[in-house]
C-alpha atoms as a PDB file:
ATOM      1  CA  UNK A   1     -19.665 -10.011 -22.411  1.00  0.00           C
ATOM      2  CA  UNK A   2     -17.521 -12.892 -23.638  1.00  0.00           C
ATOM      3  CA  UNK A   3     -15.971 -15.305 -21.170  1.00  0.00           C
ATOM      4  CA  UNK A   4     -12.351 -14.396 -20.391  1.00  0.00           C
ATOM      5  CA  UNK A   5      -9.403 -16.229 -18.915  1.00  0.00           C
ATOM      6  CA  UNK A   6      -7.678 -14.441 -16.038  1.00  0.00           C
ATOM      7  CA  UNK A   7      -4.373 -15.140 -14.343  1.00  0.00           C
ATOM      8  CA  UNK A   8      -4.616 -14.505 -10.624  1.00  0.00           C
ATOM      9  CA  UNK A   9      -1.153 -14.134  -9.083  1.00  0.00           C
ATOM     10  CA  UNK A  10      -1.166 -14.365  -5.308  1.00  0.00           C
ATOM     11  CA  UNK A  11       1.113 -12.647  -2.798  1.00  0.00           C
ATOM     12  CA  UNK A  12       4.039 -14.523  -1.313  1.00  0.00           C
ATOM     13  CA  UNK A  13       3.426 -14.974   2.407  1.00  0.00           C
ATOM     14  CA  UNK A  14       6.640 -13.105   3.308  1.00  0.00           C
ATOM     15  CA  UNK A  15       4.945  -9.906   2.140  1.00  0.00           C
ATOM     16  CA  UNK A  16       1.827 -10.452   4.275  1.00  0.00           C
ATOM     17  CA  UNK A  17       3.236  -9.960   7.782  1.00  0.00           C
ATOM     18  CA  UNK A  18       0.590 -11.057  10.300  1.00  0.00           C
ATOM     19  CA  UNK A  19      -2.041 -10.939   7.539  1.00  0.00           C
ATOM     20  CA  UNK A  20      -1.432 -14.091   5.462  1.00  0.00           C
ATOM     21  CA  UNK A  21      -4.970 -15.378   5.927  1.00  0.00           C
ATOM     22  CA  UNK A  22      -6.636 -12.018   5.323  1.00  0.00           C
ATOM     23  CA  UNK A  23      -4.655 -11.344   2.142  1.00  0.00           C
ATOM     24  CA  UNK A  24      -5.438 -14.814   0.803  1.00  0.00           C
ATOM     25  CA  UNK A  25      -9.130 -14.385   1.649  1.00  0.00           C
ATOM     26  CA  UNK A  26      -9.666 -11.146  -0.302  1.00  0.00           C
ATOM     27  CA  UNK A  27      -7.773 -12.527  -3.288  1.00  0.00           C
ATOM     28  CA  UNK A  28      -9.858 -15.715  -3.302  1.00  0.00           C
ATOM     29  CA  UNK A  29     -13.051 -13.676  -2.985  1.00  0.00           C
ATOM     30  CA  UNK A  30     -12.176 -11.621  -6.083  1.00  0.00           C
ATOM     31  CA  UNK A  31     -11.343 -14.784  -8.027  1.00  0.00           C
ATOM     32  CA  UNK A  32     -14.690 -16.257  -6.987  1.00  0.00           C
ATOM     33  CA  UNK A  33     -16.507 -13.104  -8.109  1.00  0.00           C
ATOM     34  CA  UNK A  34     -14.920 -13.348 -11.555  1.00  0.00           C
ATOM     35  CA  UNK A  35     -15.867 -17.021 -11.815  1.00  0.00           C
ATOM     36  CA  UNK A  36     -19.457 -16.319 -10.781  1.00  0.00           C
ATOM     37  CA  UNK A  37     -19.608 -13.749 -13.574  1.00  0.00           C
ATOM     38  CA  UNK A  38     -18.710 -16.336 -16.198  1.00  0.00           C
ATOM     39  CA  UNK A  39     -14.922 -16.055 -16.366  1.00  0.00           C
ATOM     40  CA  UNK A  40     -12.130 -18.565 -15.865  1.00  0.00           C
ATOM     41  CA  UNK A  41      -9.376 -17.895 -13.341  1.00  0.00           C
ATOM     42  CA  UNK A  42      -6.035 -19.686 -13.362  1.00  0.00           C
ATOM     43  CA  UNK A  43      -4.339 -19.188 -10.008  1.00  0.00           C
ATOM     44  CA  UNK A  44      -0.566 -18.862  -9.620  1.00  0.00           C
ATOM     45  CA  UNK A  45       1.679 -18.306  -6.655  1.00  0.00           C
ATOM     46  CA  UNK A  46       4.108 -15.411  -6.850  1.00  0.00           C
ATOM     47  CA  UNK A  47       6.956 -17.941  -7.006  1.00  0.00           C
ATOM     48  CA  UNK A  48       5.302 -19.768  -9.926  1.00  0.00           C
ATOM     49  CA  UNK A  49       4.955 -16.520 -11.852  1.00  0.00           C
ATOM     50  CA  UNK A  50       8.588 -15.670 -11.223  1.00  0.00           C
ATOM     51  CA  UNK A  51       9.987 -19.020 -12.359  1.00  0.00           C
ATOM     52  CA  UNK A  52       7.552 -19.937 -15.145  1.00  0.00           C
ATOM     53  CA  UNK A  53       5.672 -18.348 -18.015  1.00  0.00           C
ATOM     54  CA  UNK A  54       1.946 -17.770 -17.867  1.00  0.00           C
ATOM     55  CA  UNK A  55      -0.233 -19.716 -20.257  1.00  0.00           C
ATOM     56  CA  UNK A  56      -2.084 -17.513 -22.733  1.00  0.00           C
ATOM     57  CA  UNK A  57      -3.780 -15.194 -20.229  1.00  0.00           C
ATOM     58  CA  UNK A  58      -3.965 -11.556 -21.300  1.00  0.00           C
ATOM     59  CA  UNK A  59      -5.843 -10.457 -18.188  1.00  0.00           C
ATOM     60  CA  UNK A  60      -4.035 -10.456 -14.856  1.00  0.00           C
ATOM     61  CA  UNK A  61      -4.964  -9.451 -11.323  1.00  0.00           C
ATOM     62  CA  UNK A  62      -2.281  -9.656  -8.702  1.00  0.00           C
ATOM     63  CA  UNK A  63      -1.157  -8.898  -5.159  1.00  0.00           C
ATOM     64  CA  UNK A  64       2.509  -9.698  -5.860  1.00  0.00           C
ATOM     65  CA  UNK A  65       5.194  -7.594  -4.211  1.00  0.00           C
ATOM     66  CA  UNK A  66       8.688  -9.087  -4.632  1.00  0.00           C
ATOM     67  CA  UNK A  67      11.015  -6.845  -6.599  1.00  0.00           C
ATOM     68  CA  UNK A  68      11.886  -9.570  -9.081  1.00  0.00           C
ATOM     69  CA  UNK A  69       8.284 -10.531  -9.841  1.00  0.00           C
ATOM     70  CA  UNK A  70       7.179  -6.891 -10.106  1.00  0.00           C
ATOM     71  CA  UNK A  71      10.002  -6.246 -12.572  1.00  0.00           C
ATOM     72  CA  UNK A  72       8.906  -9.252 -14.631  1.00  0.00           C
ATOM     73  CA  UNK A  73       5.323  -8.002 -14.572  1.00  0.00           C
ATOM     74  CA  UNK A  74       6.421  -4.552 -15.768  1.00  0.00           C
ATOM     75  CA  UNK A  75       8.283  -6.088 -18.705  1.00  0.00           C
ATOM     76  CA  UNK A  76       5.215  -8.140 -19.550  1.00  0.00           C
ATOM     77  CA  UNK A  77       3.073  -5.007 -19.518  1.00  0.00           C
ATOM     78  CA  UNK A  78       5.543  -3.092 -21.680  1.00  0.00           C
ATOM     79  CA  UNK A  79       6.266  -5.754 -24.305  1.00  0.00           C
ATOM     80  CA  UNK A  80       2.993  -7.629 -24.695  1.00  0.00           C
ATOM     81  CA  UNK A  81      -0.694  -6.940 -24.973  1.00  0.00           C
ATOM     82  CA  UNK A  82      -2.039  -7.519 -21.484  1.00  0.00           C
ATOM     83  CA  UNK A  83      -4.186  -5.920 -18.806  1.00  0.00           C
ATOM     84  CA  UNK A  84      -3.089  -5.862 -15.164  1.00  0.00           C
ATOM     85  CA  UNK A  85      -4.648  -4.752 -11.825  1.00  0.00           C
ATOM     86  CA  UNK A  86      -2.671  -3.414 -10.018  1.00  0.00           C
ATOM     87  CA  UNK A  87      -0.043  -2.535 -12.609  1.00  0.00           C
ATOM     88  CA  UNK A  88       3.575  -3.369 -11.873  1.00  0.00           C
ATOM     89  CA  UNK A  89       4.436   0.311 -12.010  1.00  0.00           C
ATOM     90  CA  UNK A  90       1.722   1.141  -9.493  1.00  0.00           C
ATOM     91  CA  UNK A  91       2.942  -1.582  -7.151  1.00  0.00           C
ATOM     92  CA  UNK A  92       6.463  -0.176  -7.333  1.00  0.00           C
ATOM     93  CA  UNK A  93       5.160   3.347  -6.756  1.00  0.00           C
ATOM     94  CA  UNK A  94       3.832   2.235  -3.365  1.00  0.00           C
ATOM     95  CA  UNK A  95       7.281   1.359  -2.045  1.00  0.00           C
ATOM     96  CA  UNK A  96       8.245   3.876   0.609  1.00  0.00           C
ATOM     97  CA  UNK A  97      10.675   6.235  -1.125  1.00  0.00           C
ATOM     98  CA  UNK A  98       8.760   6.397  -4.408  1.00  0.00           C
ATOM     99  CA  UNK A  99       5.473   6.863  -2.583  1.00  0.00           C
ATOM    100  CA  UNK A 100       6.858   9.676  -0.439  1.00  0.00           C
ATOM    101  CA  UNK A 101       8.441  11.446  -3.394  1.00  0.00           C
ATOM    102  CA  UNK A 102       5.375  11.202  -5.622  1.00  0.00           C
ATOM    103  CA  UNK A 103       2.911  12.314  -2.960  1.00  0.00           C
ATOM    104  CA  UNK A 104       5.003  15.323  -1.972  1.00  0.00           C
ATOM    105  CA  UNK A 105       5.745  16.310  -5.576  1.00  0.00           C
ATOM    106  CA  UNK A 106       2.040  16.232  -6.377  1.00  0.00           C
ATOM    107  CA  UNK A 107       0.954  18.162  -3.281  1.00  0.00           C
ATOM    108  CA  UNK A 108      -0.895  15.225  -1.754  1.00  0.00           C
ATOM    109  CA  UNK A 109      -1.309  15.934   1.966  1.00  0.00           C
ATOM    110  CA  UNK A 110       1.536  14.047   3.675  1.00  0.00           C
ATOM    111  CA  UNK A 111       3.878  14.534   6.645  1.00  0.00           C
ATOM    112  CA  UNK A 112       7.041  16.559   6.180  1.00  0.00           C
ATOM    113  CA  UNK A 113       9.712  14.063   5.264  1.00  0.00           C
ATOM    114  CA  UNK A 114      13.392  13.455   4.612  1.00  0.00           C
ATOM    115  CA  UNK A 115      14.916  10.716   2.456  1.00  0.00           C
ATOM    116  CA  UNK A 116      18.353   9.820   3.750  1.00  0.00           C
ATOM    117  CA  UNK A 117      21.302   7.489   3.132  1.00  0.00           C
ATOM    118  CA  UNK A 118      21.968   5.341   6.183  1.00  0.00           C
ATOM    119  CA  UNK A 119      25.718   5.828   5.728  1.00  0.00           C
ATOM    120  CA  UNK A 120      25.321   9.504   6.601  1.00  0.00           C
ATOM    121  CA  UNK A 121      24.350  11.054   9.910  1.00  0.00           C
ATOM    122  CA  UNK A 122      21.453  13.496   9.840  1.00  0.00           C
ATOM    123  CA  UNK A 123      22.558  17.039  10.778  1.00  0.00           C
ATOM    124  CA  UNK A 124      21.061  18.190  14.052  1.00  0.00           C
ATOM    125  CA  UNK A 125      19.724  21.315  12.378  1.00  0.00           C
ATOM    126  CA  UNK A 126      17.526  19.192  10.096  1.00  0.00           C
ATOM    127  CA  UNK A 127      16.110  17.123  12.938  1.00  0.00           C
ATOM    128  CA  UNK A 128      14.938  19.842  15.301  1.00  0.00           C
ATOM    129  CA  UNK A 129      12.196  20.848  15.700  1.00  0.00           C
ATOM    130  CA  UNK A 130      10.343  19.001  12.898  1.00  0.00           C
ATOM    131  CA  UNK A 131      11.678  15.465  13.350  1.00  0.00           C
ATOM    132  CA  UNK A 132      11.821  15.123  17.092  1.00  0.00           C
ATOM    133  CA  UNK A 133       9.886  12.866  17.522  1.00  0.00           C
ATOM    134  CA  UNK A 134       9.614  11.162  14.140  1.00  0.00           C
ATOM    135  CA  UNK A 135       9.132   7.882  12.298  1.00  0.00           C
ATOM    136  CA  UNK A 136      11.998   6.076  10.615  1.00  0.00           C
ATOM    137  CA  UNK A 137      11.061   3.697   7.782  1.00  0.00           C
ATOM    138  CA  UNK A 138      13.033   1.612   5.316  1.00  0.00           C
ATOM    139  CA  UNK A 139      12.904   3.396   1.970  1.00  0.00           C
ATOM    140  CA  UNK A 140      13.304   0.557  -0.490  1.00  0.00           C
ATOM    141  CA  UNK A 141      10.229  -1.518   0.269  1.00  0.00           C
ATOM    142  CA  UNK A 142       7.186  -2.057   2.446  1.00  0.00           C
ATOM    143  CA  UNK A 143       7.461  -3.008   6.092  1.00  0.00           C
ATOM    144  CA  UNK A 144       8.093  -6.743   6.319  1.00  0.00           C
ATOM    145  CA  UNK A 145       9.379  -6.882   9.888  1.00  0.00           C
ATOM    146  CA  UNK A 146       8.412  -4.825  12.919  1.00  0.00           C
ATOM    147  CA  UNK A 147      11.882  -3.220  12.838  1.00  0.00           C
ATOM    148  CA  UNK A 148      11.242  -1.757   9.365  1.00  0.00           C
ATOM    149  CA  UNK A 149       9.204   1.079  10.930  1.00  0.00           C
ATOM    150  CA  UNK A 150      10.477   2.704  14.116  1.00  0.00           C
ATOM    151  CA  UNK A 151       9.099   5.486  16.280  1.00  0.00           C
ATOM    152  CA  UNK A 152      12.005   7.673  17.407  1.00  0.00           C
ATOM    153  CA  UNK A 153      11.774  10.253  20.197  1.00  0.00           C
ATOM    154  CA  UNK A 154      15.121  12.066  20.147  1.00  0.00           C
ATOM    155  CA  UNK A 155      17.821  13.061  17.690  1.00  0.00           C
ATOM    156  CA  UNK A 156      20.341  10.801  19.447  1.00  0.00           C
ATOM    157  CA  UNK A 157      17.992   7.847  19.149  1.00  0.00           C
ATOM    158  CA  UNK A 158      17.426   8.668  15.478  1.00  0.00           C
ATOM    159  CA  UNK A 159      21.153   8.442  14.732  1.00  0.00           C
ATOM    160  CA  UNK A 160      21.375   5.128  16.576  1.00  0.00           C
ATOM    161  CA  UNK A 161      18.456   3.574  14.730  1.00  0.00           C
ATOM    162  CA  UNK A 162      19.744   4.774  11.342  1.00  0.00           C
ATOM    163  CA  UNK A 163      23.027   3.014  12.144  1.00  0.00           C
ATOM    164  CA  UNK A 164      21.073  -0.145  13.010  1.00  0.00           C
ATOM    165  CA  UNK A 165      19.271   0.024   9.682  1.00  0.00           C
ATOM    166  CA  UNK A 166      22.627   0.331   7.916  1.00  0.00           C
ATOM    167  CA  UNK A 167      23.873  -2.801   9.703  1.00  0.00           C
ATOM    168  CA  UNK A 168      20.784  -4.626   8.422  1.00  0.00           C
ATOM    169  CA  UNK A 169      21.754  -3.723   4.853  1.00  0.00           C
ATOM    170  CA  UNK A 170      19.082  -1.024   4.406  1.00  0.00           C
ATOM    171  CA  UNK A 171      20.786   1.744   2.434  1.00  0.00           C
ATOM    172  CA  UNK A 172      18.126   4.457   2.516  1.00  0.00           C
ATOM    173  CA  UNK A 173      15.404   5.515   4.922  1.00  0.00           C
ATOM    174  CA  UNK A 174      12.409   7.813   4.932  1.00  0.00           C
ATOM    175  CA  UNK A 175      12.040  10.058   7.978  1.00  0.00           C
ATOM    176  CA  UNK A 176       8.474  11.298   8.581  1.00  0.00           C
ATOM    177  CA  UNK A 177       7.496  13.882  11.150  1.00  0.00           C
ATOM    178  CA  UNK A 178       5.251  12.478  13.863  1.00  0.00           C
ATOM    179  CA  UNK A 179       1.696  13.763  13.552  1.00  0.00           C
ATOM    180  CA  UNK A 180      -0.613  14.052  16.547  1.00  0.00           C
ATOM    181  CA  UNK A 181      -4.243  13.115  16.101  1.00  0.00           C
ATOM    182  CA  UNK A 182      -6.535  10.203  15.343  1.00  0.00           C
ATOM    183  CA  UNK A 183      -5.134   7.326  13.307  1.00  0.00           C
ATOM    184  CA  UNK A 184      -7.555   6.230  10.579  1.00  0.00           C
ATOM    185  CA  UNK A 185      -7.221   3.240   8.250  1.00  0.00           C
ATOM    186  CA  UNK A 186      -8.883   3.309   4.826  1.00  0.00           C
ATOM    187  CA  UNK A 187      -9.604   1.007   1.891  1.00  0.00           C
ATOM    188  CA  UNK A 188     -10.689   1.990  -1.599  1.00  0.00           C
ATOM    189  CA  UNK A 189     -11.138   0.878  -5.193  1.00  0.00           C
ATOM    190  CA  UNK A 190     -10.436   3.627  -7.736  1.00  0.00           C
ATOM    191  CA  UNK A 191     -13.148   4.158 -10.314  1.00  0.00           C
ATOM    192  CA  UNK A 192     -15.901   2.918  -7.979  1.00  0.00           C
ATOM    193  CA  UNK A 193     -17.960   4.309  -5.119  1.00  0.00           C
ATOM    194  CA  UNK A 194     -16.431   1.804  -2.718  1.00  0.00           C
ATOM    195  CA  UNK A 195     -14.579   3.428   0.178  1.00  0.00           C
ATOM    196  CA  UNK A 196     -14.296   2.243   3.762  1.00  0.00           C
ATOM    197  CA  UNK A 197     -12.575   3.746   6.781  1.00  0.00           C
ATOM    198  CA  UNK A 198     -12.284   2.826  10.443  1.00  0.00           C
ATOM    199  CA  UNK A 199     -10.192   3.327  13.548  1.00  0.00           C
ATOM    200  CA  UNK A 200      -7.771   0.356  13.633  1.00  0.00           C
ATOM    201  CA  UNK A 201      -7.567   0.308  17.422  1.00  0.00           C
ATOM    202  CA  UNK A 202     -11.302  -0.144  17.705  1.00  0.00           C
ATOM    203  CA  UNK A 203     -11.215  -2.976  15.172  1.00  0.00           C
ATOM    204  CA  UNK A 204      -8.143  -4.593  16.757  1.00  0.00           C
ATOM    205  CA  UNK A 205      -6.533  -4.452  13.316  1.00  0.00           C
ATOM    206  CA  UNK A 206      -2.764  -4.202  13.469  1.00  0.00           C
ATOM    207  CA  UNK A 207       0.374  -5.668  11.910  1.00  0.00           C
ATOM    208  CA  UNK A 208       2.972  -4.611  14.452  1.00  0.00           C
ATOM    209  CA  UNK A 209       1.082  -2.805  17.218  1.00  0.00           C
ATOM    210  CA  UNK A 210       2.452   0.637  16.304  1.00  0.00           C
ATOM    211  CA  UNK A 211      -1.040   2.123  16.426  1.00  0.00           C
ATOM    212  CA  UNK A 212      -0.544   2.447  20.169  1.00  0.00           C
ATOM    213  CA  UNK A 213       1.793   5.415  19.643  1.00  0.00           C
ATOM    214  CA  UNK A 214      -1.077   7.729  18.693  1.00  0.00           C
ATOM    215  CA  UNK A 215      -3.331   6.252  21.359  1.00  0.00           C
ATOM    216  CA  UNK A 216      -7.060   5.666  21.330  1.00  0.00           C
ATOM    217  CA  UNK A 217      -8.967   7.840  18.843  1.00  0.00           C
ATOM    218  CA  UNK A 218     -10.883  10.767  20.252  1.00  0.00           C
ATOM    219  CA  UNK A 219     -13.324  10.992  17.353  1.00  0.00           C
ATOM    220  CA  UNK A 220     -12.035  14.237  15.838  1.00  0.00           C
ATOM    221  CA  UNK A 221     -14.606  15.398  13.235  1.00  0.00           C
ATOM    222  CA  UNK A 222     -13.406  15.307   9.635  1.00  0.00           C
ATOM    223  CA  UNK A 223     -14.815  15.278   6.128  1.00  0.00           C
ATOM    224  CA  UNK A 224     -15.361  11.692   4.951  1.00  0.00           C
ATOM    225  CA  UNK A 225     -15.878  13.031   1.438  1.00  0.00           C
ATOM    226  CA  UNK A 226     -12.601  14.922   1.747  1.00  0.00           C
ATOM    227  CA  UNK A 227     -10.784  11.770   2.878  1.00  0.00           C
ATOM    228  CA  UNK A 228     -12.195   9.790  -0.048  1.00  0.00           C
ATOM    229  CA  UNK A 229     -11.154  12.513  -2.496  1.00  0.00           C
ATOM    230  CA  UNK A 230      -7.668  12.734  -0.998  1.00  0.00           C
ATOM    231  CA  UNK A 231      -7.223   8.975  -1.334  1.00  0.00           C
ATOM    232  CA  UNK A 232      -8.587   9.011  -4.883  1.00  0.00           C
ATOM    233  CA  UNK A 233      -6.061  11.703  -5.782  1.00  0.00           C
ATOM    234  CA  UNK A 234      -3.247   9.670  -4.218  1.00  0.00           C
ATOM    235  CA  UNK A 235      -4.341   6.520  -6.075  1.00  0.00           C
ATOM    236  CA  UNK A 236      -4.237   8.425  -9.372  1.00  0.00           C
ATOM    237  CA  UNK A 237      -0.769   9.811  -8.645  1.00  0.00           C
ATOM    238  CA  UNK A 238       0.538   6.373  -7.644  1.00  0.00           C
ATOM    239  CA  UNK A 239      -1.295   4.574 -10.489  1.00  0.00           C
ATOM    240  CA  UNK A 240      -3.079   1.967  -8.360  1.00  0.00           C
ATOM    241  CA  UNK A 241      -6.685   0.793  -8.616  1.00  0.00           C
ATOM    242  CA  UNK A 242      -6.940  -1.353  -5.476  1.00  0.00           C
ATOM    243  CA  UNK A 243      -5.523   0.449  -2.456  1.00  0.00           C
ATOM    244  CA  UNK A 244      -5.513   1.061   1.253  1.00  0.00           C
ATOM    245  CA  UNK A 245      -3.480   2.885   3.834  1.00  0.00           C
ATOM    246  CA  UNK A 246      -3.405   5.041   6.917  1.00  0.00           C
ATOM    247  CA  UNK A 247      -3.854   8.706   7.673  1.00  0.00           C
ATOM    248  CA  UNK A 248      -3.805  11.027  10.660  1.00  0.00           C
ATOM    249  CA  UNK A 249      -6.680  13.374  11.396  1.00  0.00           C
ATOM    250  CA  UNK A 250      -5.231  16.394  13.202  1.00  0.00           C
ATOM    251  CA  UNK A 251      -7.160  18.170  15.989  1.00  0.00           C
ATOM    252  CA  UNK A 252      -8.317  20.791  13.453  1.00  0.00           C
ATOM    253  CA  UNK A 253      -9.658  18.095  11.087  1.00  0.00           C
ATOM    254  CA  UNK A 254      -6.759  18.271   8.622  1.00  0.00           C
ATOM    255  CA  UNK A 255      -6.042  14.888   7.051  1.00  0.00           C
ATOM    256  CA  UNK A 256      -2.582  13.673   6.033  1.00  0.00           C
ATOM    257  CA  UNK A 257      -1.820  10.312   4.443  1.00  0.00           C
ATOM    258  CA  UNK A 258       1.021   8.554   6.257  1.00  0.00           C
ATOM    259  CA  UNK A 259       0.961   5.261   4.326  1.00  0.00           C
ATOM    260  CA  UNK A 260      -0.530   4.084   1.037  1.00  0.00           C
ATOM    261  CA  UNK A 261      -0.471   0.455  -0.102  1.00  0.00           C
ATOM    262  CA  UNK A 262      -1.299  -1.528  -3.189  1.00  0.00           C
ATOM    263  CA  UNK A 263      -4.041  -4.114  -2.577  1.00  0.00           C
ATOM    264  CA  UNK A 264      -4.350  -4.539   1.220  1.00  0.00           C
ATOM    265  CA  UNK A 265      -6.406  -7.151   3.074  1.00  0.00           C
ATOM    266  CA  UNK A 266      -9.813  -5.383   3.263  1.00  0.00           C
ATOM    267  CA  UNK A 267     -10.467  -7.631   6.284  1.00  0.00           C
ATOM    268  CA  UNK A 268     -13.353  -5.617   7.851  1.00  0.00           C
ATOM    269  CA  UNK A 269     -15.182  -5.211   4.514  1.00  0.00           C
ATOM    270  CA  UNK A 270     -14.018  -8.154   2.419  1.00  0.00           C
ATOM    271  CA  UNK A 271     -17.213  -9.154   0.638  1.00  0.00           C
ATOM    272  CA  UNK A 272     -18.136  -5.610  -0.391  1.00  0.00           C
ATOM    273  CA  UNK A 273     -14.560  -4.950  -1.498  1.00  0.00           C
ATOM    274  CA  UNK A 274     -14.382  -8.154  -3.551  1.00  0.00           C
ATOM    275  CA  UNK A 275     -17.463  -7.112  -5.519  1.00  0.00           C
ATOM    276  CA  UNK A 276     -16.015  -3.653  -6.145  1.00  0.00           C
ATOM    277  CA  UNK A 277     -12.597  -5.028  -7.169  1.00  0.00           C
ATOM    278  CA  UNK A 278     -14.065  -7.730  -9.401  1.00  0.00           C
ATOM    279  CA  UNK A 279     -16.489  -5.252 -10.925  1.00  0.00           C
ATOM    280  CA  UNK A 280     -13.818  -2.676 -11.798  1.00  0.00           C
ATOM    281  CA  UNK A 281     -11.583  -5.391 -13.271  1.00  0.00           C
ATOM    282  CA  UNK A 282     -14.401  -6.479 -15.586  1.00  0.00           C
ATOM    283  CA  UNK A 283     -15.276  -2.895 -16.542  1.00  0.00           C
ATOM    284  CA  UNK A 284     -11.653  -2.036 -17.258  1.00  0.00           C
ATOM    285  CA  UNK A 285     -11.264  -5.157 -19.421  1.00  0.00           C
ATOM    286  CA  UNK A 286     -14.283  -4.067 -21.443  1.00  0.00           C
ATOM    287  CA  UNK A 287     -12.483  -0.799 -22.229  1.00  0.00           C
ATOM    288  CA  UNK A 288      -9.034  -2.097 -23.193  1.00  0.00           C
ATOM    289  CA  UNK A 289     -10.128  -3.984 -26.290  1.00  0.00           C
ATOM    290  CA  UNK A 290      -7.681  -6.890 -26.078  1.00  0.00           C
END
C-alpha cells in the first residue's frame, strides 16, 4: 500500500475530564501505529483545527468533541473528498439526546427515558413509578463536569435538580430510569474482532465516582457474545467506528446500554486497541479510493 499522509486531530483537554493523560495516550499510540506501518501523521490540536485549515491531508482520525470543531469537520466531510474516523456525524450522534433518541428508535436495549425542557416541570404521573429513582443528564453534550450527571432519588429532588440545570444554562435534559444490576464498561472497534469489557470498580476506573451508586459487581452471568453484538449494533446506528461506553447487566442477565461514547480512553487495553484502531483505519482507507 502507498504511503499516506494523515491528519491526527487531538481532543481538547476540557472534554477529557479526569482522563487527559489516558485520552492522549491512546491517540498517540494510534498515530505511532500508522507511522510504523509506513504512513506520515501530522498532529493538530482541536484548537488548531478550529482556527486554521489543514494542509493537504485527505485522511483524518480524530477525538475532537467541541461543537464548533465537529461542525467544521462535518462540512469538510460533506464538501470535500476526505476520509474521517470517527465521522463528525457519528461524534454528534453520541451526544446525549441524539444518542438516546437513536438507540430507542432503533430498538437498541436502553433504559426507559424522557427528554425534557428544563423550563418545564415534569408531571408527577410521568415520574412514578418508572423514574423514582432515576438519572438526570444534560442533553446537549457529554458530561464535562460531575454535575452534568446526577442520581436522583425522589420526584421532589428531580424537580429541584432540573431547576439547577436550568440556572446553569442547560436547556434540555435526558431522564433515564435507574437500572439495578452490575455496571460493566466496554470498549470496541467496529469492523474488527477487538472488544474488551470489565467492571470499572474492580479496575478503579472512574471519571466522577458515580459507579458507587450500583455498588460492587456481583458477577451476574451474561452473554459476552450478546454484549459485543449489542454494542456493534449500537455503533452501526450511531455511525461510529471507535467506541466505548457503559451498560447494566440485570439480575436475569439482560443487558442495557446506559452510555455510548465516541473514541474513549481504552486505558486498560491501550496497546491492543491501538492496533485494532490503526488497522481498521488503514483497511477503510484502502476501500475509499481517494
